[in-house]
Amino acid sequence: MLTRGTNDLHFFKESEIEGANSMKVPLCIAASLMDTTVDSLRCAMQRKEVDLGWAIKRSSRWTYNISPKKLSDYTGIRLADIHKMVVIYRKTGQFKSHEKRQFLMA
């Protein structure tokens, strides 16, 4: 459980984002950072219109993998900030699009 508020981002330790290079970025975070919808991002990845990782169809379901490094390169947002957003999402189970402003203004 997250014991600090999401406004206390500077209190996150580097150890809390260890392994971030292998960390997958959830579609909702990537879409928010790109100012698009999750569905639009899914379609773009399926059609290979954007290179953020991969989208593969298994049976009737699609699986997505978004690379933090590729997302950082595409959006210009620092890799460390993307990692922190993913940590917040995983600890709280939610990511509000207005929270991204904290990272973009820093």
Protein backbone atom coordinates (compact mmCIF):
# COMPACT_ATOMS: atom_id res chain seq x y z
CA MET A 1 0.00 0.00 0.00
CA LEU A 2 1.22 3.47 -0.82
CA THR A 3 1.78 5.36 2.40
CA ARG A 4 2.71 8.67 0.82
CA GLY A 5 0.58 10.86 -1.37
CA THR A 6 1.29 11.09 -5.06
CA ASN A 7 2.29 14.71 -4.48
CA ASP A 8 5.29 13.46 -2.48
CA LEU A 9 7.14 12.15 -5.53
CA HIS A 10 10.52 13.43 -4.39
CA PHE A 11 10.35 10.97 -1.47
CA PHE A 12 10.56 7.93 -3.74
CA LYS A 13 13.86 6.14 -3.36
CA GLU A 14 15.78 4.85 -6.34
CA SER A 15 15.38 1.35 -4.88
CA GLU A 16 11.63 1.69 -5.36
CA ILE A 17 12.10 1.92 -9.10
CA GLU A 18 14.83 -0.71 -9.42
CA GLY A 19 14.33 -2.98 -12.37
CA ALA A 20 12.64 -0.14 -14.18
CA ASN A 21 14.54 -0.88 -17.39
CA SER A 22 12.56 -4.10 -17.71
CA MET A 23 9.37 -2.39 -16.52
CA LYS A 24 6.42 -2.36 -18.90
CA VAL A 25 4.49 0.89 -19.14
CA PRO A 26 0.71 0.47 -18.81
CA LEU A 27 -1.29 1.62 -21.81
CA CYS A 28 -3.23 4.17 -19.74
CA ILE A 29 -0.03 5.97 -18.71
CA ALA A 30 1.46 5.97 -22.21
CA ALA A 31 -1.81 7.22 -23.71
CA SER A 32 -2.07 9.99 -21.13
CA LEU A 33 1.49 11.14 -21.78
CA MET A 34 0.79 11.20 -25.50
CA ASP A 35 -2.51 13.08 -25.03
CA THR A 36 -4.51 10.36 -26.72
CA THR A 37 -6.96 7.64 -25.73
CA VAL A 38 -6.03 4.10 -24.81
CA ASP A 39 -8.04 2.82 -27.79
CA SER A 40 -6.21 5.12 -30.21
CA LEU A 41 -2.86 3.98 -28.85
CA ARG A 42 -3.89 0.34 -29.15
CA CYS A 43 -4.86 0.86 -32.80
CA ALA A 44 -1.64 2.73 -33.58
CA MET A 45 0.46 -0.03 -32.03
CA GLN A 46 -1.49 -2.77 -33.82
CA ARG A 47 -0.95 -1.00 -37.15
CA LYS A 48 2.72 -0.28 -36.29
CA GLU A 49 2.12 3.44 -36.72
CA VAL A 50 4.06 4.19 -33.56
CA ASP A 51 7.19 2.40 -32.33
CA LEU A 52 6.86 2.19 -28.56
CA GLY A 53 7.35 -1.54 -28.20
CA TRP A 54 5.18 -4.28 -29.62
CA ALA A 55 1.60 -5.43 -30.02
CA ILE A 56 0.91 -9.06 -30.77
CA LYS A 57 -2.35 -10.89 -31.34
CA ARG A 58 -2.72 -14.26 -29.65
CA SER A 59 -5.91 -16.06 -30.56
CA SER A 60 -8.46 -13.26 -30.37
CA ARG A 61 -6.70 -11.05 -27.78
CA TRP A 62 -3.96 -8.46 -28.21
CA THR A 63 -0.99 -8.16 -25.85
CA TYR A 64 1.04 -4.94 -25.62
CA ASN A 65 4.50 -4.13 -24.33
CA ILE A 66 5.50 -0.47 -24.10
CA SER A 67 9.16 0.25 -23.49
CA PRO A 68 9.85 3.08 -21.02
CA LYS A 69 12.92 4.10 -23.06
CA LYS A 70 11.02 4.28 -26.35
CA LEU A 71 8.18 6.20 -24.68
CA SER A 72 10.72 8.62 -23.21
CA ASP A 73 12.36 9.12 -26.62
CA TYR A 74 8.97 9.62 -28.29
CA THR A 75 7.50 12.06 -25.75
CA GLY A 76 10.64 13.80 -24.48
CA ILE A 77 9.66 13.01 -20.90
CA ARG A 78 12.54 11.94 -18.68
CA LEU A 79 12.87 8.20 -18.21
CA ALA A 80 13.05 8.59 -14.41
CA ASP A 81 9.69 10.42 -14.44
CA ILE A 82 8.06 7.68 -16.50
CA HIS A 83 9.37 5.11 -14.03
CA LYS A 84 7.91 7.05 -11.11
CA MET A 85 4.52 7.25 -12.85
CA VAL A 86 4.54 3.48 -13.33
CA VAL A 87 5.47 2.93 -9.68
CA ILE A 88 2.61 5.18 -8.56
CA TYR A 89 0.19 3.35 -10.85
CA ARG A 90 1.27 -0.05 -9.58
CA LYS A 91 1.08 0.97 -5.92
CA THR A 92 -2.24 2.80 -6.10
CA GLY A 93 -3.93 1.01 -8.99
CA GLN A 94 -4.76 4.30 -10.67
CA PHE A 95 -3.20 7.14 -12.59
CA LYS A 96 -5.08 10.36 -13.07
CA SER A 97 -4.10 12.28 -16.17
CA HIS A 98 -3.79 15.52 -14.18
CA GLU A 99 -0.96 13.88 -12.17
CA LYS A 100 1.29 13.98 -15.21
CA ARG A 101 1.51 17.76 -14.87
CA GLN A 102 3.70 17.28 -11.80
CA PHE A 103 6.30 15.58 -13.98
CA LEU A 104 6.00 17.84 -16.98
CA MET A 105 6.46 21.01 -14.93
CA ALA A 106 9.51 19.77 -13.02
